[in-house]
Amino acid sequence: MVKKKDDIDPISVFELAPLRKKDILCAAADRCLDSNAFLKEVQLKEIQPLASHPSTLNMLLGLFGRPGGQPKQRSKLYRLGCETLADERSNSRKESR
């Protein structure tokens, strides 16, 4: 079967590429955080894989911005990150239990 030029394929496949360094710096700056300090902490803790994806980057930025900062040990950071990502954000769902 020959496709016509104006036929539209109903299925498209996309792959999300890892975030770049400048994307991470921009996300931190958008939250009014010290982007260079955030990036330095990510590098010191060797958690670049978490920072390179939007959902886990968002979690890291939230932890970085809190008063106690991120936990010092990576195992505690991963645990807190999992708890944060699993937290229910919908008030109606929380109320309905």
PDB file of N, CA and C in Angstrom:
ATOM      1  N   MET A   1       0.841  -1.185   0.000  1.00  0.00           N
ATOM      2  CA  MET A   1       0.000   0.000   0.000  1.00  0.00           C
ATOM      3  C   MET A   1       0.884   1.245   0.000  1.00  0.00           C
ATOM      4  N   VAL A   2       0.530   2.172  -0.851  1.00  0.00           N
ATOM      5  CA  VAL A   2       1.271   3.417  -0.951  1.00  0.00           C
ATOM      6  C   VAL A   2       0.533   4.493  -0.161  1.00  0.00           C
ATOM      7  N   LYS A   3       1.271   5.190   0.686  1.00  0.00           N
ATOM      8  CA  LYS A   3       0.661   6.264   1.468  1.00  0.00           C
ATOM      9  C   LYS A   3       0.637   7.543   0.645  1.00  0.00           C
ATOM     10  N   LYS A   4      -0.448   8.253   0.792  1.00  0.00           N
ATOM     11  CA  LYS A   4      -0.526   9.571   0.179  1.00  0.00           C
ATOM     12  C   LYS A   4       0.224  10.552   1.061  1.00  0.00           C
ATOM     13  N   LYS A   5       0.652  11.619   0.463  1.00  0.00           N
ATOM     14  CA  LYS A   5       1.409  12.634   1.187  1.00  0.00           C
ATOM     15  C   LYS A   5       0.612  13.217   2.349  1.00  0.00           C
ATOM     16  N   ASP A   6      -0.701  13.345   2.202  1.00  0.00           N
ATOM     17  CA  ASP A   6      -1.511  13.977   3.243  1.00  0.00           C
ATOM     18  C   ASP A   6      -2.056  12.980   4.269  1.00  0.00           C
ATOM     19  N   ASP A   7      -1.732  11.673   4.134  1.00  0.00           N
ATOM     20  CA  ASP A   7      -2.136  10.690   5.147  1.00  0.00           C
ATOM     21  C   ASP A   7      -1.353  10.956   6.434  1.00  0.00           C
ATOM     22  N   ILE A   8      -2.067  10.902   7.540  1.00  0.00           N
ATOM     23  CA  ILE A   8      -1.431  11.142   8.835  1.00  0.00           C
ATOM     24  C   ILE A   8      -1.323   9.824   9.581  1.00  0.00           C
ATOM     25  N   ASP A   9      -0.153   9.523  10.053  1.00  0.00           N
ATOM     26  CA  ASP A   9       0.070   8.313  10.844  1.00  0.00           C
ATOM     27  C   ASP A   9      -0.544   8.539  12.226  1.00  0.00           C
ATOM     28  N   PRO A  10      -1.482   7.683  12.662  1.00  0.00           N
ATOM     29  CA  PRO A  10      -2.172   7.898  13.935  1.00  0.00           C
ATOM     30  C   PRO A  10      -1.294   7.666  15.165  1.00  0.00           C
ATOM     31  N   ILE A  11      -0.151   7.049  14.994  1.00  0.00           N
ATOM     32  CA  ILE A  11       0.721   6.758  16.123  1.00  0.00           C
ATOM     33  C   ILE A  11       2.061   7.437  15.906  1.00  0.00           C
ATOM     34  N   SER A  12       2.483   8.157  16.932  1.00  0.00           N
ATOM     35  CA  SER A  12       3.803   8.767  16.896  1.00  0.00           C
ATOM     36  C   SER A  12       4.564   8.313  18.128  1.00  0.00           C
ATOM     37  N   VAL A  13       5.827   8.073  17.972  1.00  0.00           N
ATOM     38  CA  VAL A  13       6.665   7.642  19.081  1.00  0.00           C
ATOM     39  C   VAL A  13       7.694   8.729  19.340  1.00  0.00           C
ATOM     40  N   PHE A  14       7.791   9.130  20.609  1.00  0.00           N
ATOM     41  CA  PHE A  14       8.732  10.153  21.003  1.00  0.00           C
ATOM     42  C   PHE A  14       9.610   9.608  22.117  1.00  0.00           C
ATOM     43  N   GLU A  15      10.820  10.054  22.170  1.00  0.00           N
ATOM     44  CA  GLU A  15      11.733   9.658  23.239  1.00  0.00           C
ATOM     45  C   GLU A  15      12.186  10.928  23.937  1.00  0.00           C
ATOM     46  N   LEU A  16      12.030  10.938  25.257  1.00  0.00           N
ATOM     47  CA  LEU A  16      12.440  12.095  26.037  1.00  0.00           C
ATOM     48  C   LEU A  16      13.939  12.006  26.289  1.00  0.00           C
ATOM     49  N   ALA A  17      14.671  12.960  25.775  1.00  0.00           N
ATOM     50  CA  ALA A  17      16.115  12.984  25.980  1.00  0.00           C
ATOM     51  C   ALA A  17      16.423  13.531  27.369  1.00  0.00           C
ATOM     52  N   PRO A  18      17.537  13.106  27.956  1.00  0.00           N
ATOM     53  CA  PRO A  18      17.910  13.637  29.269  1.00  0.00           C
ATOM     54  C   PRO A  18      18.066  15.158  29.210  1.00  0.00           C
ATOM     55  N   LEU A  19      17.743  15.788  30.319  1.00  0.00           N
ATOM     56  CA  LEU A  19      17.902  17.243  30.394  1.00  0.00           C
ATOM     57  C   LEU A  19      19.380  17.607  30.319  1.00  0.00           C
ATOM     58  N   ARG A  20      19.641  18.754  29.738  1.00  0.00           N
ATOM     59  CA  ARG A  20      21.013  19.233  29.617  1.00  0.00           C
ATOM     60  C   ARG A  20      21.369  20.072  30.837  1.00  0.00           C
ATOM     61  N   LYS A  21      22.633  20.341  31.010  1.00  0.00           N
ATOM     62  CA  LYS A  21      23.120  21.156  32.123  1.00  0.00           C
ATOM     63  C   LYS A  21      22.405  22.509  32.137  1.00  0.00           C
ATOM     64  N   LYS A  22      22.260  23.121  30.964  1.00  0.00           N
ATOM     65  CA  LYS A  22      21.619  24.436  30.919  1.00  0.00           C
ATOM     66  C   LYS A  22      20.124  24.352  31.269  1.00  0.00           C
ATOM     67  N   ASP A  23      19.484  23.203  30.974  1.00  0.00           N
ATOM     68  CA  ASP A  23      18.082  23.010  31.358  1.00  0.00           C
ATOM     69  C   ASP A  23      17.950  22.943  32.876  1.00  0.00           C
ATOM     70  N   ILE A  24      18.885  22.244  33.510  1.00  0.00           N
ATOM     71  CA  ILE A  24      18.879  22.103  34.969  1.00  0.00           C
ATOM     72  C   ILE A  24      19.131  23.448  35.634  1.00  0.00           C
ATOM     73  N   LEU A  25      20.087  24.190  35.115  1.00  0.00           N
ATOM     74  CA  LEU A  25      20.380  25.527  35.663  1.00  0.00           C
ATOM     75  C   LEU A  25      19.177  26.450  35.517  1.00  0.00           C
ATOM     76  N   CYS A  26      18.517  26.376  34.374  1.00  0.00           N
ATOM     77  CA  CYS A  26      17.339  27.209  34.119  1.00  0.00           C
ATOM     78  C   CYS A  26      16.199  26.840  35.067  1.00  0.00           C
ATOM     79  N   ALA A  27      15.980  25.534  35.299  1.00  0.00           N
ATOM     80  CA  ALA A  27      14.914  25.086  36.202  1.00  0.00           C
ATOM     81  C   ALA A  27      15.166  25.571  37.623  1.00  0.00           C
ATOM     82  N   ALA A  28      16.410  25.523  38.064  1.00  0.00           N
ATOM     83  CA  ALA A  28      16.752  26.000  39.408  1.00  0.00           C
ATOM     84  C   ALA A  28      16.542  27.518  39.497  1.00  0.00           C
ATOM     85  N   ALA A  29      16.958  28.238  38.489  1.00  0.00           N
ATOM     86  CA  ALA A  29      16.785  29.696  38.481  1.00  0.00           C
ATOM     87  C   ALA A  29      15.303  30.067  38.458  1.00  0.00           C
ATOM     88  N   ASP A  30      14.478  29.303  37.751  1.00  0.00           N
ATOM     89  CA  ASP A  30      13.030  29.561  37.710  1.00  0.00           C
ATOM     90  C   ASP A  30      12.401  29.447  39.091  1.00  0.00           C
ATOM     91  N   ARG A  31      13.004  28.650  39.965  1.00  0.00           N
ATOM     92  CA  ARG A  31      12.515  28.509  41.339  1.00  0.00           C
ATOM     93  C   ARG A  31      13.202  29.478  42.289  1.00  0.00           C
ATOM     94  N   CYS A  32      13.938  30.419  41.728  1.00  0.00           N
ATOM     95  CA  CYS A  32      14.678  31.421  42.517  1.00  0.00           C
ATOM     96  C   CYS A  32      15.701  30.763  43.440  1.00  0.00           C
ATOM     97  N   LEU A  33      16.309  29.693  42.977  1.00  0.00           N
ATOM     98  CA  LEU A  33      17.360  29.021  43.726  1.00  0.00           C
ATOM     99  C   LEU A  33      18.711  29.399  43.131  1.00  0.00           C
ATOM    100  N   ASP A  34      19.755  29.242  43.916  1.00  0.00           N
ATOM    101  CA  ASP A  34      21.112  29.460  43.421  1.00  0.00           C
ATOM    102  C   ASP A  34      21.441  28.278  42.514  1.00  0.00           C
ATOM    103  N   SER A  35      21.324  28.482  41.214  1.00  0.00           N
ATOM    104  CA  SER A  35      21.459  27.381  40.258  1.00  0.00           C
ATOM    105  C   SER A  35      22.854  26.770  40.279  1.00  0.00           C
ATOM    106  N   ASN A  36      23.883  27.580  40.449  1.00  0.00           N
ATOM    107  CA  ASN A  36      25.244  27.043  40.483  1.00  0.00           C
ATOM    108  C   ASN A  36      25.479  26.204  41.738  1.00  0.00           C
ATOM    109  N   ALA A  37      24.934  26.647  42.879  1.00  0.00           N
ATOM    110  CA  ALA A  37      25.051  25.875  44.125  1.00  0.00           C
ATOM    111  C   ALA A  37      24.296  24.557  43.999  1.00  0.00           C
ATOM    112  N   PHE A  38      23.122  24.603  43.357  1.00  0.00           N
ATOM    113  CA  PHE A  38      22.344  23.385  43.161  1.00  0.00           C
ATOM    114  C   PHE A  38      23.121  22.397  42.301  1.00  0.00           C
ATOM    115  N   LEU A  39      23.663  22.867  41.187  1.00  0.00           N
ATOM    116  CA  LEU A  39      24.404  21.994  40.281  1.00  0.00           C
ATOM    117  C   LEU A  39      25.642  21.419  40.975  1.00  0.00           C
ATOM    118  N   LYS A  40      26.304  22.224  41.781  1.00  0.00           N
ATOM    119  CA  LYS A  40      27.480  21.752  42.517  1.00  0.00           C
ATOM    120  C   LYS A  40      27.093  20.629  43.473  1.00  0.00           C
ATOM    121  N   GLU A  41      25.957  20.770  44.167  1.00  0.00           N
ATOM    122  CA  GLU A  41      25.491  19.746  45.092  1.00  0.00           C
ATOM    123  C   GLU A  41      25.132  18.461  44.345  1.00  0.00           C
ATOM    124  N   VAL A  42      24.506  18.604  43.202  1.00  0.00           N
ATOM    125  CA  VAL A  42      24.173  17.437  42.372  1.00  0.00           C
ATOM    126  C   VAL A  42      25.450  16.691  41.984  1.00  0.00           C
ATOM    127  N   GLN A  43      26.457  17.420  41.600  1.00  0.00           N
ATOM    128  CA  GLN A  43      27.712  16.797  41.189  1.00  0.00           C
ATOM    129  C   GLN A  43      28.440  16.169  42.376  1.00  0.00           C
ATOM    130  N   LEU A  44      28.451  16.841  43.533  1.00  0.00           N
ATOM    131  CA  LEU A  44      29.110  16.307  44.730  1.00  0.00           C
ATOM    132  C   LEU A  44      28.458  15.008  45.202  1.00  0.00           C
ATOM    133  N   LYS A  45      27.143  14.945  45.117  1.00  0.00           N
ATOM    134  CA  LYS A  45      26.413  13.757  45.568  1.00  0.00           C
ATOM    135  C   LYS A  45      26.292  12.700  44.471  1.00  0.00           C
ATOM    136  N   GLU A  46      26.799  13.022  43.283  1.00  0.00           N
ATOM    137  CA  GLU A  46      26.769  12.114  42.137  1.00  0.00           C
ATOM    138  C   GLU A  46      25.349  11.636  41.841  1.00  0.00           C
ATOM    139  N   ILE A  47      24.427  12.588  41.760  1.00  0.00           N
ATOM    140  CA  ILE A  47      23.025  12.271  41.484  1.00  0.00           C
ATOM    141  C   ILE A  47      22.568  12.885  40.155  1.00  0.00           C
ATOM    142  N   GLN A  48      23.504  12.979  39.218  1.00  0.00           N
ATOM    143  CA  GLN A  48      23.189  13.525  37.902  1.00  0.00           C
ATOM    144  C   GLN A  48      22.054  12.774  37.203  1.00  0.00           C
ATOM    145  N   PRO A  49      21.969  11.430  37.335  1.00  0.00           N
ATOM    146  CA  PRO A  49      20.847  10.743  36.668  1.00  0.00           C
ATOM    147  C   PRO A  49      19.484  11.223  37.168  1.00  0.00           C
ATOM    148  N   LEU A  50      19.389  11.560  38.447  1.00  0.00           N
ATOM    149  CA  LEU A  50      18.120  12.080  38.968  1.00  0.00           C
ATOM    150  C   LEU A  50      17.837  13.480  38.437  1.00  0.00           C
ATOM    151  N   ALA A  51      18.876  14.273  38.292  1.00  0.00           N
ATOM    152  CA  ALA A  51      18.703  15.644  37.819  1.00  0.00           C
ATOM    153  C   ALA A  51      18.425  15.717  36.319  1.00  0.00           C
ATOM    154  N   SER A  52      18.667  14.630  35.615  1.00  0.00           N
ATOM    155  CA  SER A  52      18.525  14.680  34.154  1.00  0.00           C
ATOM    156  C   SER A  52      17.125  14.326  33.660  1.00  0.00           C
ATOM    157  N   HIS A  53      16.180  14.087  34.572  1.00  0.00           N
ATOM    158  CA  HIS A  53      14.797  13.782  34.183  1.00  0.00           C
ATOM    159  C   HIS A  53      13.848  14.734  34.896  1.00  0.00           C
ATOM    160  N   PRO A  54      12.852  15.259  34.195  1.00  0.00           N
ATOM    161  CA  PRO A  54      11.982  16.293  34.764  1.00  0.00           C
ATOM    162  C   PRO A  54      11.328  15.957  36.105  1.00  0.00           C
ATOM    163  N   SER A  55      10.774  14.762  36.262  1.00  0.00           N
ATOM    164  CA  SER A  55      10.066  14.466  37.517  1.00  0.00           C
ATOM    165  C   SER A  55      11.022  14.376  38.699  1.00  0.00           C
ATOM    166  N   THR A  56      12.170  13.746  38.512  1.00  0.00           N
ATOM    167  CA  THR A  56      13.111  13.650  39.628  1.00  0.00           C
ATOM    168  C   THR A  56      13.879  14.955  39.829  1.00  0.00           C
ATOM    169  N   LEU A  57      14.079  15.716  38.773  1.00  0.00           N
ATOM    170  CA  LEU A  57      14.681  17.034  38.940  1.00  0.00           C
ATOM    171  C   LEU A  57      13.771  17.918  39.782  1.00  0.00           C
ATOM    172  N   ASN A  58      12.490  17.869  39.510  1.00  0.00           N
ATOM    173  CA  ASN A  58      11.522  18.649  40.282  1.00  0.00           C
ATOM    174  C   ASN A  58      11.593  18.272  41.760  1.00  0.00           C
ATOM    175  N   MET A  59      11.706  16.981  42.047  1.00  0.00           N
ATOM    176  CA  MET A  59      11.829  16.505  43.413  1.00  0.00           C
ATOM    177  C   MET A  59      13.109  17.038  44.055  1.00  0.00           C
ATOM    178  N   LEU A  60      14.225  16.968  43.335  1.00  0.00           N
ATOM    179  CA  LEU A  60      15.497  17.455  43.875  1.00  0.00           C
ATOM    180  C   LEU A  60      15.452  18.957  44.149  1.00  0.00           C
ATOM    181  N   LEU A  61      14.844  19.701  43.236  1.00  0.00           N
ATOM    182  CA  LEU A  61      14.737  21.152  43.427  1.00  0.00           C
ATOM    183  C   LEU A  61      13.904  21.477  44.667  1.00  0.00           C
ATOM    184  N   GLY A  62      12.831  20.706  44.889  1.00  0.00           N
ATOM    185  CA  GLY A  62      12.012  20.904  46.078  1.00  0.00           C
ATOM    186  C   GLY A  62      12.778  20.614  47.350  1.00  0.00           C
ATOM    187  N   LEU A  63      13.593  19.575  47.337  1.00  0.00           N
ATOM    188  CA  LEU A  63      14.399  19.237  48.508  1.00  0.00           C
ATOM    189  C   LEU A  63      15.497  20.257  48.734  1.00  0.00           C
ATOM    190  N   PHE A  64      16.085  20.751  47.654  1.00  0.00           N
ATOM    191  CA  PHE A  64      17.157  21.736  47.756  1.00  0.00           C
ATOM    192  C   PHE A  64      16.642  23.040  48.360  1.00  0.00           C
ATOM    193  N   GLY A  65      15.413  23.391  48.035  1.00  0.00           N
ATOM    194  CA  GLY A  65      14.854  24.654  48.491  1.00  0.00           C
ATOM    195  C   GLY A  65      14.311  24.630  49.910  1.00  0.00           C
ATOM    196  N   ARG A  66      14.225  23.469  50.525  1.00  0.00           N
ATOM    197  CA  ARG A  66      13.672  23.412  51.878  1.00  0.00           C
ATOM    198  C   ARG A  66      14.741  23.768  52.905  1.00  0.00           C
ATOM    199  N   PRO A  67      14.319  24.172  54.108  1.00  0.00           N
ATOM    200  CA  PRO A  67      15.263  24.652  55.129  1.00  0.00           C
ATOM    201  C   PRO A  67      16.417  23.698  55.448  1.00  0.00           C
ATOM    202  N   GLY A  68      16.138  22.407  55.571  1.00  0.00           N
ATOM    203  CA  GLY A  68      17.209  21.463  55.896  1.00  0.00           C
ATOM    204  C   GLY A  68      18.051  21.060  54.704  1.00  0.00           C
ATOM    205  N   GLY A  69      17.620  21.445  53.506  1.00  0.00           N
ATOM    206  CA  GLY A  69      18.320  21.052  52.290  1.00  0.00           C
ATOM    207  C   GLY A  69      18.162  19.580  52.013  1.00  0.00           C
ATOM    208  N   GLN A  70      18.998  19.076  51.144  1.00  0.00           N
ATOM    209  CA  GLN A  70      18.963  17.662  50.801  1.00  0.00           C
ATOM    210  C   GLN A  70      19.724  16.870  51.860  1.00  0.00           C
ATOM    211  N   PRO A  71      19.308  15.631  52.096  1.00  0.00           N
ATOM    212  CA  PRO A  71      20.049  14.784  53.036  1.00  0.00           C
ATOM    213  C   PRO A  71      21.494  14.605  52.579  1.00  0.00           C
ATOM    214  N   LYS A  72      22.376  14.393  53.521  1.00  0.00           N
ATOM    215  CA  LYS A  72      23.806  14.237  53.194  1.00  0.00           C
ATOM    216  C   LYS A  72      24.096  12.892  52.534  1.00  0.00           C
ATOM    217  N   GLN A  73      23.421  11.832  52.972  1.00  0.00           N
ATOM    218  CA  GLN A  73      23.671  10.506  52.413  1.00  0.00           C
ATOM    219  C   GLN A  73      22.745  10.245  51.234  1.00  0.00           C
ATOM    220  N   ARG A  74      23.306   9.620  50.197  1.00  0.00           N
ATOM    221  CA  ARG A  74      22.501   9.328  49.010  1.00  0.00           C
ATOM    222  C   ARG A  74      21.351   8.379  49.318  1.00  0.00           C
ATOM    223  N   SER A  75      21.562   7.413  50.202  1.00  0.00           N
ATOM    224  CA  SER A  75      20.492   6.464  50.519  1.00  0.00           C
ATOM    225  C   SER A  75      19.301   7.188  51.143  1.00  0.00           C
ATOM    226  N   LYS A  76      19.562   8.175  51.993  1.00  0.00           N
ATOM    227  CA  LYS A  76      18.476   8.950  52.603  1.00  0.00           C
ATOM    228  C   LYS A  76      17.798   9.844  51.561  1.00  0.00           C
ATOM    229  N   LEU A  77      18.600  10.354  50.654  1.00  0.00           N
ATOM    230  CA  LEU A  77      18.055  11.184  49.575  1.00  0.00           C
ATOM    231  C   LEU A  77      17.113  10.358  48.699  1.00  0.00           C
ATOM    232  N   TYR A  78      17.515   9.153  48.331  1.00  0.00           N
ATOM    233  CA  TYR A  78      16.671   8.291  47.509  1.00  0.00           C
ATOM    234  C   TYR A  78      15.374   7.946  48.238  1.00  0.00           C
ATOM    235  N   ARG A  79      15.481   7.641  49.539  1.00  0.00           N
ATOM    236  CA  ARG A  79      14.292   7.294  50.317  1.00  0.00           C
ATOM    237  C   ARG A  79      13.327   8.484  50.376  1.00  0.00           C
ATOM    238  N   LEU A  80      13.861   9.657  50.707  1.00  0.00           N
ATOM    239  CA  LEU A  80      13.029  10.857  50.780  1.00  0.00           C
ATOM    240  C   LEU A  80      12.450  11.189  49.407  1.00  0.00           C
ATOM    241  N   GLY A  81      13.245  10.988  48.381  1.00  0.00           N
ATOM    242  CA  GLY A  81      12.768  11.226  47.019  1.00  0.00           C
ATOM    243  C   GLY A  81      11.619  10.315  46.649  1.00  0.00           C
ATOM    244  N   CYS A  82      11.724   9.040  46.997  1.00  0.00           N
ATOM    245  CA  CYS A  82      10.631   8.096  46.718  1.00  0.00           C
ATOM    246  C   CYS A  82       9.371   8.491  47.469  1.00  0.00           C
ATOM    247  N   GLU A  83       9.520   8.894  48.720  1.00  0.00           N
ATOM    248  CA  GLU A  83       8.360   9.326  49.512  1.00  0.00           C
ATOM    249  C   GLU A  83       7.737  10.580  48.904  1.00  0.00           C
ATOM    250  N   THR A  84       8.570  11.484  48.446  1.00  0.00           N
ATOM    251  CA  THR A  84       8.080  12.722  47.836  1.00  0.00           C
ATOM    252  C   THR A  84       7.333  12.430  46.537  1.00  0.00           C
ATOM    253  N   LEU A  85       7.903  11.557  45.697  1.00  0.00           N
ATOM    254  CA  LEU A  85       7.275  11.237  44.420  1.00  0.00           C
ATOM    255  C   LEU A  85       5.972  10.460  44.608  1.00  0.00           C
ATOM    256  N   ALA A  86       5.869   9.698  45.702  1.00  0.00           N
ATOM    257  CA  ALA A  86       4.668   8.902  45.957  1.00  0.00           C
ATOM    258  C   ALA A  86       3.591   9.695  46.693  1.00  0.00           C
ATOM    259  N   ASP A  87       3.924  10.870  47.170  1.00  0.00           N
ATOM    260  CA  ASP A  87       2.971  11.680  47.924  1.00  0.00           C
ATOM    261  C   ASP A  87       1.794  12.096  47.033  1.00  0.00           C
ATOM    262  N   GLU A  88       0.590  11.989  47.580  1.00  0.00           N
ATOM    263  CA  GLU A  88      -0.613  12.389  46.842  1.00  0.00           C
ATOM    264  C   GLU A  88      -0.732  13.905  46.854  1.00  0.00           C
ATOM    265  N   ARG A  89      -0.855  14.506  45.694  1.00  0.00           N
ATOM    266  CA  ARG A  89      -0.935  15.958  45.588  1.00  0.00           C
ATOM    267  C   ARG A  89      -2.373  16.475  45.474  1.00  0.00           C
ATOM    268  N   SER A  90      -3.298  15.605  45.147  1.00  0.00           N
ATOM    269  CA  SER A  90      -4.687  16.010  44.958  1.00  0.00           C
ATOM    270  C   SER A  90      -5.399  16.103  46.305  1.00  0.00           C
ATOM    271  N   ASN A  91      -5.885  17.299  46.657  1.00  0.00           N
ATOM    272  CA  ASN A  91      -6.596  17.479  47.920  1.00  0.00           C
ATOM    273  C   ASN A  91      -7.874  16.649  47.978  1.00  0.00           C
ATOM    274  N   SER A  92      -8.600  16.538  46.874  1.00  0.00           N
ATOM    275  CA  SER A  92      -9.839  15.763  46.875  1.00  0.00           C
ATOM    276  C   SER A  92      -9.563  14.284  47.122  1.00  0.00           C
ATOM    277  N   ARG A  93      -8.483  13.777  46.585  1.00  0.00           N
ATOM    278  CA  ARG A  93      -8.112  12.379  46.828  1.00  0.00           C
ATOM    279  C   ARG A  93      -7.680  12.171  48.277  1.00  0.00           C
ATOM    280  N   LYS A  94      -6.947  13.146  48.823  1.00  0.00           N
ATOM    281  CA  LYS A  94      -6.536  13.040  50.216  1.00  0.00           C
ATOM    282  C   LYS A  94      -7.754  13.023  51.143  1.00  0.00           C
ATOM    283  N   GLU A  95      -8.712  13.867  50.842  1.00  0.00           N
ATOM    284  CA  GLU A  95      -9.910  13.966  51.676  1.00  0.00           C
ATOM    285  C   GLU A  95     -10.777  12.719  51.569  1.00  0.00           C
ATOM    286  N   SER A  96     -10.808  12.081  50.414  1.00  0.00           N
ATOM    287  CA  SER A  96     -11.654  10.904  50.229  1.00  0.00           C
ATOM    288  C   SER A  96     -10.997   9.625  50.758  1.00  0.00           C
ATOM    289  N   ARG A  97      -9.713   9.710  51.066  1.00  0.00           N
ATOM    290  CA  ARG A  97      -8.908   8.582  51.554  1.00  0.00           C
ATOM    291  C   ARG A  97      -8.934   7.450  50.582  1.00  0.00           C
TER     292      ARG A  97
END
